[in-house]
Amino acid sequence: MDHHDHIDSANESGGPFAAGWLWALVAAVVTVVLARWFGTPMTGAVLVALGVFVVFSVLLAQFWEPPAGETHGDDHGHGHGHH
């Protein structure tokens, strides 16, 4: 087996997006700010933001796939200098 025939587990979508909760939190904060700007009472803005947080968390955890060109810090080289 050639060293290029291995499966790169870092590029498989086998787990949730690690920083998904952070993006969900950002989306919730933006939701609160926009809801308050539109005149929604604070209680309603927070409830909507909680819903946005839950939806974003679930979507990012279930459907996130890393971009094709993203590197994951694997230290093995992919040199093509064949002897």
PDB file of N, CA and C in Angstrom:
ATOM      1  N   MET A   1       0.848  -1.172   0.000  1.00  0.00           N
ATOM      2  CA  MET A   1       0.000   0.000   0.000  1.00  0.00           C
ATOM      3  C   MET A   1       0.894   1.235   0.000  1.00  0.00           C
ATOM      4  N   ASP A   2       0.633   2.132  -0.872  1.00  0.00           N
ATOM      5  CA  ASP A   2       1.339   3.403  -0.966  1.00  0.00           C
ATOM      6  C   ASP A   2       0.908   4.306   0.192  1.00  0.00           C
ATOM      7  N   HIS A   3       1.795   5.198   0.624  1.00  0.00           N
ATOM      8  CA  HIS A   3       1.450   6.064   1.755  1.00  0.00           C
ATOM      9  C   HIS A   3       0.368   7.080   1.399  1.00  0.00           C
ATOM     10  N   HIS A   4      -0.019   7.183   0.141  1.00  0.00           N
ATOM     11  CA  HIS A   4      -1.093   8.091  -0.263  1.00  0.00           C
ATOM     12  C   HIS A   4      -2.454   7.397  -0.258  1.00  0.00           C
ATOM     13  N   ASP A   5      -2.479   6.092   0.021  1.00  0.00           N
ATOM     14  CA  ASP A   5      -3.726   5.347  -0.002  1.00  0.00           C
ATOM     15  C   ASP A   5      -4.444   5.328   1.339  1.00  0.00           C
ATOM     16  N   HIS A   6      -3.883   5.976   2.337  1.00  0.00           N
ATOM     17  CA  HIS A   6      -4.515   5.964   3.649  1.00  0.00           C
ATOM     18  C   HIS A   6      -5.703   6.918   3.675  1.00  0.00           C
ATOM     19  N   ILE A   7      -6.603   6.689   4.623  1.00  0.00           N
ATOM     20  CA  ILE A   7      -7.748   7.567   4.806  1.00  0.00           C
ATOM     21  C   ILE A   7      -7.359   8.622   5.829  1.00  0.00           C
ATOM     22  N   ASP A   8      -7.503   9.872   5.468  1.00  0.00           N
ATOM     23  CA  ASP A   8      -7.165  10.969   6.361  1.00  0.00           C
ATOM     24  C   ASP A   8      -8.353  11.236   7.276  1.00  0.00           C
ATOM     25  N   SER A   9      -8.284  10.756   8.518  1.00  0.00           N
ATOM     26  CA  SER A   9      -9.409  10.862   9.434  1.00  0.00           C
ATOM     27  C   SER A   9      -9.726  12.302   9.806  1.00  0.00           C
ATOM     28  N   ALA A  10      -8.795  13.217   9.634  1.00  0.00           N
ATOM     29  CA  ALA A  10      -9.056  14.612   9.959  1.00  0.00           C
ATOM     30  C   ALA A  10     -10.034  15.240   8.983  1.00  0.00           C
ATOM     31  N   ASN A  11     -10.155  14.686   7.783  1.00  0.00           N
ATOM     32  CA  ASN A  11     -11.066  15.255   6.793  1.00  0.00           C
ATOM     33  C   ASN A  11     -12.408  14.553   6.758  1.00  0.00           C
ATOM     34  N   GLU A  12     -12.616  13.542   7.573  1.00  0.00           N
ATOM     35  CA  GLU A  12     -13.901  12.878   7.630  1.00  0.00           C
ATOM     36  C   GLU A  12     -14.823  13.680   8.529  1.00  0.00           C
ATOM     37  N   SER A  13     -16.099  13.649   8.254  1.00  0.00           N
ATOM     38  CA  SER A  13     -17.052  14.354   9.106  1.00  0.00           C
ATOM     39  C   SER A  13     -17.554  13.389  10.171  1.00  0.00           C
ATOM     40  N   GLY A  14     -16.680  12.977  11.061  1.00  0.00           N
ATOM     41  CA  GLY A  14     -17.026  12.001  12.067  1.00  0.00           C
ATOM     42  C   GLY A  14     -17.437  12.587  13.394  1.00  0.00           C
ATOM     43  N   GLY A  15     -17.392  13.891  13.556  1.00  0.00           N
ATOM     44  CA  GLY A  15     -17.758  14.460  14.829  1.00  0.00           C
ATOM     45  C   GLY A  15     -18.275  15.866  14.687  1.00  0.00           C
ATOM     46  N   PRO A  16     -18.764  16.417  15.803  1.00  0.00           N
ATOM     47  CA  PRO A  16     -19.317  17.767  15.755  1.00  0.00           C
ATOM     48  C   PRO A  16     -18.248  18.828  15.584  1.00  0.00           C
ATOM     49  N   PHE A  17     -18.663  19.970  15.145  1.00  0.00           N
ATOM     50  CA  PHE A  17     -17.782  21.122  14.983  1.00  0.00           C
ATOM     51  C   PHE A  17     -17.399  21.618  16.370  1.00  0.00           C
ATOM     52  N   ALA A  18     -16.117  21.618  16.683  1.00  0.00           N
ATOM     53  CA  ALA A  18     -15.656  21.912  18.034  1.00  0.00           C
ATOM     54  C   ALA A  18     -16.049  23.304  18.521  1.00  0.00           C
ATOM     55  N   ALA A  19     -16.001  24.296  17.658  1.00  0.00           N
ATOM     56  CA  ALA A  19     -16.324  25.661  18.076  1.00  0.00           C
ATOM     57  C   ALA A  19     -17.764  26.034  17.716  1.00  0.00           C
ATOM     58  N   GLY A  20     -18.605  25.043  17.442  1.00  0.00           N
ATOM     59  CA  GLY A  20     -19.987  25.314  17.071  1.00  0.00           C
ATOM     60  C   GLY A  20     -20.748  26.070  18.140  1.00  0.00           C
ATOM     61  N   TRP A  21     -20.495  25.740  19.394  1.00  0.00           N
ATOM     62  CA  TRP A  21     -21.192  26.435  20.477  1.00  0.00           C
ATOM     63  C   TRP A  21     -20.842  27.914  20.491  1.00  0.00           C
ATOM     64  N   LEU A  22     -19.605  28.246  20.110  1.00  0.00           N
ATOM     65  CA  LEU A  22     -19.190  29.646  20.084  1.00  0.00           C
ATOM     66  C   LEU A  22     -19.940  30.407  18.991  1.00  0.00           C
ATOM     67  N   TRP A  23     -20.062  29.816  17.805  1.00  0.00           N
ATOM     68  CA  TRP A  23     -20.819  30.455  16.728  1.00  0.00           C
ATOM     69  C   TRP A  23     -22.291  30.560  17.091  1.00  0.00           C
ATOM     70  N   ALA A  24     -22.822  29.558  17.787  1.00  0.00           N
ATOM     71  CA  ALA A  24     -24.214  29.613  18.234  1.00  0.00           C
ATOM     72  C   ALA A  24     -24.406  30.742  19.249  1.00  0.00           C
ATOM     73  N   LEU A  25     -23.429  30.938  20.119  1.00  0.00           N
ATOM     74  CA  LEU A  25     -23.498  32.024  21.095  1.00  0.00           C
ATOM     75  C   LEU A  25     -23.448  33.381  20.400  1.00  0.00           C
ATOM     76  N   VAL A  26     -22.582  33.516  19.415  1.00  0.00           N
ATOM     77  CA  VAL A  26     -22.502  34.763  18.647  1.00  0.00           C
ATOM     78  C   VAL A  26     -23.840  35.035  17.960  1.00  0.00           C
ATOM     79  N   ALA A  27     -24.435  34.012  17.368  1.00  0.00           N
ATOM     80  CA  ALA A  27     -25.728  34.183  16.706  1.00  0.00           C
ATOM     81  C   ALA A  27     -26.801  34.607  17.711  1.00  0.00           C
ATOM     82  N   ALA A  28     -26.774  34.044  18.913  1.00  0.00           N
ATOM     83  CA  ALA A  28     -27.753  34.408  19.940  1.00  0.00           C
ATOM     84  C   ALA A  28     -27.575  35.858  20.392  1.00  0.00           C
ATOM     85  N   VAL A  29     -26.335  36.287  20.566  1.00  0.00           N
ATOM     86  CA  VAL A  29     -26.077  37.673  20.980  1.00  0.00           C
ATOM     87  C   VAL A  29     -26.535  38.641  19.885  1.00  0.00           C
ATOM     88  N   VAL A  30     -26.251  38.314  18.639  1.00  0.00           N
ATOM     89  CA  VAL A  30     -26.703  39.158  17.525  1.00  0.00           C
ATOM     90  C   VAL A  30     -28.231  39.210  17.503  1.00  0.00           C
ATOM     91  N   THR A  31     -28.874  38.088  17.795  1.00  0.00           N
ATOM     92  CA  THR A  31     -30.332  38.045  17.837  1.00  0.00           C
ATOM     93  C   THR A  31     -30.884  38.965  18.914  1.00  0.00           C
ATOM     94  N   VAL A  32     -30.286  38.958  20.100  1.00  0.00           N
ATOM     95  CA  VAL A  32     -30.736  39.840  21.179  1.00  0.00           C
ATOM     96  C   VAL A  32     -30.577  41.299  20.768  1.00  0.00           C
ATOM     97  N   VAL A  33     -29.438  41.631  20.203  1.00  0.00           N
ATOM     98  CA  VAL A  33     -29.178  43.016  19.799  1.00  0.00           C
ATOM     99  C   VAL A  33     -30.195  43.457  18.743  1.00  0.00           C
ATOM    100  N   LEU A  34     -30.424  42.626  17.737  1.00  0.00           N
ATOM    101  CA  LEU A  34     -31.387  42.984  16.693  1.00  0.00           C
ATOM    102  C   LEU A  34     -32.814  43.066  17.235  1.00  0.00           C
ATOM    103  N   ALA A  35     -33.182  42.117  18.094  1.00  0.00           N
ATOM    104  CA  ALA A  35     -34.531  42.130  18.660  1.00  0.00           C
ATOM    105  C   ALA A  35     -34.757  43.383  19.499  1.00  0.00           C
ATOM    106  N   ARG A  36     -33.773  43.770  20.287  1.00  0.00           N
ATOM    107  CA  ARG A  36     -33.896  44.996  21.093  1.00  0.00           C
ATOM    108  C   ARG A  36     -33.957  46.219  20.188  1.00  0.00           C
ATOM    109  N   TRP A  37     -33.204  46.210  19.090  1.00  0.00           N
ATOM    110  CA  TRP A  37     -33.201  47.324  18.151  1.00  0.00           C
ATOM    111  C   TRP A  37     -34.583  47.484  17.504  1.00  0.00           C
ATOM    112  N   PHE A  38     -35.251  46.334  17.267  1.00  0.00           N
ATOM    113  CA  PHE A  38     -36.594  46.372  16.691  1.00  0.00           C
ATOM    114  C   PHE A  38     -37.669  46.658  17.737  1.00  0.00           C
ATOM    115  N   GLY A  39     -37.284  46.812  18.991  1.00  0.00           N
ATOM    116  CA  GLY A  39     -38.231  47.193  20.037  1.00  0.00           C
ATOM    117  C   GLY A  39     -38.851  46.046  20.801  1.00  0.00           C
ATOM    118  N   THR A  40     -38.333  44.851  20.658  1.00  0.00           N
ATOM    119  CA  THR A  40     -38.838  43.697  21.398  1.00  0.00           C
ATOM    120  C   THR A  40     -38.445  43.821  22.869  1.00  0.00           C
ATOM    121  N   PRO A  41     -39.384  43.517  23.791  1.00  0.00           N
ATOM    122  CA  PRO A  41     -39.012  43.539  25.219  1.00  0.00           C
ATOM    123  C   PRO A  41     -37.862  42.558  25.495  1.00  0.00           C
ATOM    124  N   MET A  42     -37.109  42.824  26.529  1.00  0.00           N
ATOM    125  CA  MET A  42     -35.917  42.023  26.842  1.00  0.00           C
ATOM    126  C   MET A  42     -36.252  40.549  27.032  1.00  0.00           C
ATOM    127  N   THR A  43     -37.359  40.241  27.687  1.00  0.00           N
ATOM    128  CA  THR A  43     -37.735  38.832  27.904  1.00  0.00           C
ATOM    129  C   THR A  43     -37.951  38.119  26.571  1.00  0.00           C
ATOM    130  N   GLY A  44     -38.673  38.761  25.665  1.00  0.00           N
ATOM    131  CA  GLY A  44     -38.909  38.165  24.354  1.00  0.00           C
ATOM    132  C   GLY A  44     -37.624  38.008  23.563  1.00  0.00           C
ATOM    133  N   ALA A  45     -36.738  39.021  23.646  1.00  0.00           N
ATOM    134  CA  ALA A  45     -35.461  38.954  22.931  1.00  0.00           C
ATOM    135  C   ALA A  45     -34.608  37.798  23.437  1.00  0.00           C
ATOM    136  N   VAL A  46     -34.594  37.604  24.743  1.00  0.00           N
ATOM    137  CA  VAL A  46     -33.793  36.514  25.324  1.00  0.00           C
ATOM    138  C   VAL A  46     -34.381  35.157  24.937  1.00  0.00           C
ATOM    139  N   LEU A  47     -35.704  35.041  24.944  1.00  0.00           N
ATOM    140  CA  LEU A  47     -36.327  33.766  24.557  1.00  0.00           C
ATOM    141  C   LEU A  47     -36.040  33.421  23.102  1.00  0.00           C
ATOM    142  N   VAL A  48     -36.126  34.414  22.224  1.00  0.00           N
ATOM    143  CA  VAL A  48     -35.809  34.171  20.814  1.00  0.00           C
ATOM    144  C   VAL A  48     -34.337  33.803  20.660  1.00  0.00           C
ATOM    145  N   ALA A  49     -33.462  34.490  21.393  1.00  0.00           N
ATOM    146  CA  ALA A  49     -32.026  34.205  21.330  1.00  0.00           C
ATOM    147  C   ALA A  49     -31.720  32.793  21.822  1.00  0.00           C
ATOM    148  N   LEU A  50     -32.427  32.339  22.857  1.00  0.00           N
ATOM    149  CA  LEU A  50     -32.225  30.962  23.327  1.00  0.00           C
ATOM    150  C   LEU A  50     -32.624  29.956  22.245  1.00  0.00           C
ATOM    151  N   GLY A  51     -33.725  30.247  21.555  1.00  0.00           N
ATOM    152  CA  GLY A  51     -34.132  29.378  20.455  1.00  0.00           C
ATOM    153  C   GLY A  51     -33.096  29.351  19.342  1.00  0.00           C
ATOM    154  N   VAL A  52     -32.558  30.521  18.998  1.00  0.00           N
ATOM    155  CA  VAL A  52     -31.514  30.600  17.969  1.00  0.00           C
ATOM    156  C   VAL A  52     -30.278  29.825  18.411  1.00  0.00           C
ATOM    157  N   PHE A  53     -29.896  29.951  19.680  1.00  0.00           N
ATOM    158  CA  PHE A  53     -28.727  29.233  20.202  1.00  0.00           C
ATOM    159  C   PHE A  53     -28.913  27.724  20.065  1.00  0.00           C
ATOM    160  N   VAL A  54     -30.083  27.233  20.432  1.00  0.00           N
ATOM    161  CA  VAL A  54     -30.341  25.794  20.367  1.00  0.00           C
ATOM    162  C   VAL A  54     -30.327  25.313  18.910  1.00  0.00           C
ATOM    163  N   VAL A  55     -30.988  26.051  18.025  1.00  0.00           N
ATOM    164  CA  VAL A  55     -31.048  25.643  16.619  1.00  0.00           C
ATOM    165  C   VAL A  55     -29.652  25.640  15.998  1.00  0.00           C
ATOM    166  N   PHE A  56     -28.884  26.719  16.218  1.00  0.00           N
ATOM    167  CA  PHE A  56     -27.534  26.771  15.658  1.00  0.00           C
ATOM    168  C   PHE A  56     -26.663  25.663  16.241  1.00  0.00           C
ATOM    169  N   SER A  57     -26.764  25.418  17.531  1.00  0.00           N
ATOM    170  CA  SER A  57     -25.954  24.359  18.158  1.00  0.00           C
ATOM    171  C   SER A  57     -26.254  23.007  17.531  1.00  0.00           C
ATOM    172  N   VAL A  58     -27.532  22.700  17.369  1.00  0.00           N
ATOM    173  CA  VAL A  58     -27.916  21.409  16.806  1.00  0.00           C
ATOM    174  C   VAL A  58     -27.482  21.302  15.343  1.00  0.00           C
ATOM    175  N   LEU A  59     -27.725  22.363  14.563  1.00  0.00           N
ATOM    176  CA  LEU A  59     -27.352  22.317  13.152  1.00  0.00           C
ATOM    177  C   LEU A  59     -25.847  22.182  12.965  1.00  0.00           C
ATOM    178  N   LEU A  60     -25.072  22.942  13.724  1.00  0.00           N
ATOM    179  CA  LEU A  60     -23.623  22.855  13.580  1.00  0.00           C
ATOM    180  C   LEU A  60     -23.088  21.520  14.077  1.00  0.00           C
ATOM    181  N   ALA A  61     -23.695  20.976  15.116  1.00  0.00           N
ATOM    182  CA  ALA A  61     -23.235  19.684  15.628  1.00  0.00           C
ATOM    183  C   ALA A  61     -23.579  18.543  14.671  1.00  0.00           C
ATOM    184  N   GLN A  62     -24.715  18.647  13.992  1.00  0.00           N
ATOM    185  CA  GLN A  62     -25.168  17.553  13.144  1.00  0.00           C
ATOM    186  C   GLN A  62     -24.641  17.617  11.722  1.00  0.00           C
ATOM    187  N   PHE A  63     -24.505  18.817  11.171  1.00  0.00           N
ATOM    188  CA  PHE A  63     -24.262  18.927   9.737  1.00  0.00           C
ATOM    189  C   PHE A  63     -22.959  19.608   9.354  1.00  0.00           C
ATOM    190  N   TRP A  64     -22.141  19.989  10.313  1.00  0.00           N
ATOM    191  CA  TRP A  64     -20.904  20.698   9.991  1.00  0.00           C
ATOM    192  C   TRP A  64     -19.915  19.757   9.333  1.00  0.00           C
ATOM    193  N   GLU A  65     -19.325  20.201   8.241  1.00  0.00           N
ATOM    194  CA  GLU A  65     -18.211  19.501   7.612  1.00  0.00           C
ATOM    195  C   GLU A  65     -17.097  20.510   7.408  1.00  0.00           C
ATOM    196  N   PRO A  66     -15.868  20.162   7.771  1.00  0.00           N
ATOM    197  CA  PRO A  66     -14.773  21.123   7.603  1.00  0.00           C
ATOM    198  C   PRO A  66     -14.558  21.454   6.129  1.00  0.00           C
ATOM    199  N   PRO A  67     -14.149  22.689   5.856  1.00  0.00           N
ATOM    200  CA  PRO A  67     -13.849  23.064   4.465  1.00  0.00           C
ATOM    201  C   PRO A  67     -12.776  22.159   3.876  1.00  0.00           C
ATOM    202  N   ALA A  68     -12.827  21.943   2.581  1.00  0.00           N
ATOM    203  CA  ALA A  68     -11.926  20.995   1.905  1.00  0.00           C
ATOM    204  C   ALA A  68     -10.457  21.366   2.060  1.00  0.00           C
ATOM    205  N   GLY A  69     -10.105  22.635   2.060  1.00  0.00           N
ATOM    206  CA  GLY A  69      -8.713  23.049   2.118  1.00  0.00           C
ATOM    207  C   GLY A  69      -8.189  23.282   3.518  1.00  0.00           C
ATOM    208  N   GLU A  70      -8.993  23.034   4.532  1.00  0.00           N
ATOM    209  CA  GLU A  70      -8.576  23.309   5.898  1.00  0.00           C
ATOM    210  C   GLU A  70      -7.581  22.270   6.386  1.00  0.00           C
ATOM    211  N   THR A  71      -6.489  22.722   6.999  1.00  0.00           N
ATOM    212  CA  THR A  71      -5.507  21.797   7.564  1.00  0.00           C
ATOM    213  C   THR A  71      -5.823  21.579   9.027  1.00  0.00           C
ATOM    214  N   HIS A  72      -5.510  20.388   9.503  1.00  0.00           N
ATOM    215  CA  HIS A  72      -5.825  20.034  10.878  1.00  0.00           C
ATOM    216  C   HIS A  72      -4.577  19.730  11.695  1.00  0.00           C
ATOM    217  N   GLY A  73      -3.452  20.184  11.252  1.00  0.00           N
ATOM    218  CA  GLY A  73      -2.237  20.042  12.041  1.00  0.00           C
ATOM    219  C   GLY A  73      -1.668  18.643  12.094  1.00  0.00           C
ATOM    220  N   ASP A  74      -1.960  17.808  11.131  1.00  0.00           N
ATOM    221  CA  ASP A  74      -1.342  16.489  11.147  1.00  0.00           C
ATOM    222  C   ASP A  74       0.096  16.638  10.676  1.00  0.00           C
ATOM    223  N   ASP A  75       0.997  16.051  11.428  1.00  0.00           N
ATOM    224  CA  ASP A  75       2.415  16.309  11.233  1.00  0.00           C
ATOM    225  C   ASP A  75       3.089  15.390  10.219  1.00  0.00           C
ATOM    226  N   HIS A  76       2.380  14.484   9.591  1.00  0.00           N
ATOM    227  CA  HIS A  76       3.050  13.634   8.612  1.00  0.00           C
ATOM    228  C   HIS A  76       3.097  14.352   7.270  1.00  0.00           C
ATOM    229  N   GLY A  77       4.215  14.233   6.641  1.00  0.00           N
ATOM    230  CA  GLY A  77       4.427  14.950   5.393  1.00  0.00           C
ATOM    231  C   GLY A  77       3.774  14.263   4.210  1.00  0.00           C
ATOM    232  N   HIS A  78       3.485  15.044   3.208  1.00  0.00           N
ATOM    233  CA  HIS A  78       2.938  14.514   1.973  1.00  0.00           C
ATOM    234  C   HIS A  78       3.877  14.806   0.827  1.00  0.00           C
ATOM    235  N   GLY A  79       5.155  14.671   1.080  1.00  0.00           N
ATOM    236  CA  GLY A  79       6.147  14.945   0.040  1.00  0.00           C
ATOM    237  C   GLY A  79       6.034  13.966  -1.112  1.00  0.00           C
ATOM    238  N   HIS A  80       6.337  14.436  -2.278  1.00  0.00           N
ATOM    239  CA  HIS A  80       6.218  13.600  -3.454  1.00  0.00           C
ATOM    240  C   HIS A  80       7.586  13.287  -4.063  1.00  0.00           C
ATOM    241  N   GLY A  81       8.618  13.312  -3.259  1.00  0.00           N
ATOM    242  CA  GLY A  81       9.952  13.001  -3.764  1.00  0.00           C
ATOM    243  C   GLY A  81      10.191  11.508  -3.773  1.00  0.00           C
ATOM    244  N   HIS A  82       9.762  10.840  -4.832  1.00  0.00           N
ATOM    245  CA  HIS A  82       9.924   9.393  -4.931  1.00  0.00           C
ATOM    246  C   HIS A  82      11.333   9.088  -5.442  1.00  0.00           C
ATOM    247  N   HIS A  83      11.946   8.059  -4.896  1.00  0.00           N
ATOM    248  CA  HIS A  83      13.328   7.714  -5.242  1.00  0.00           C
ATOM    249  C   HIS A  83      13.373   6.691  -6.327  1.00  0.00           C
TER     250      HIS A  83
END
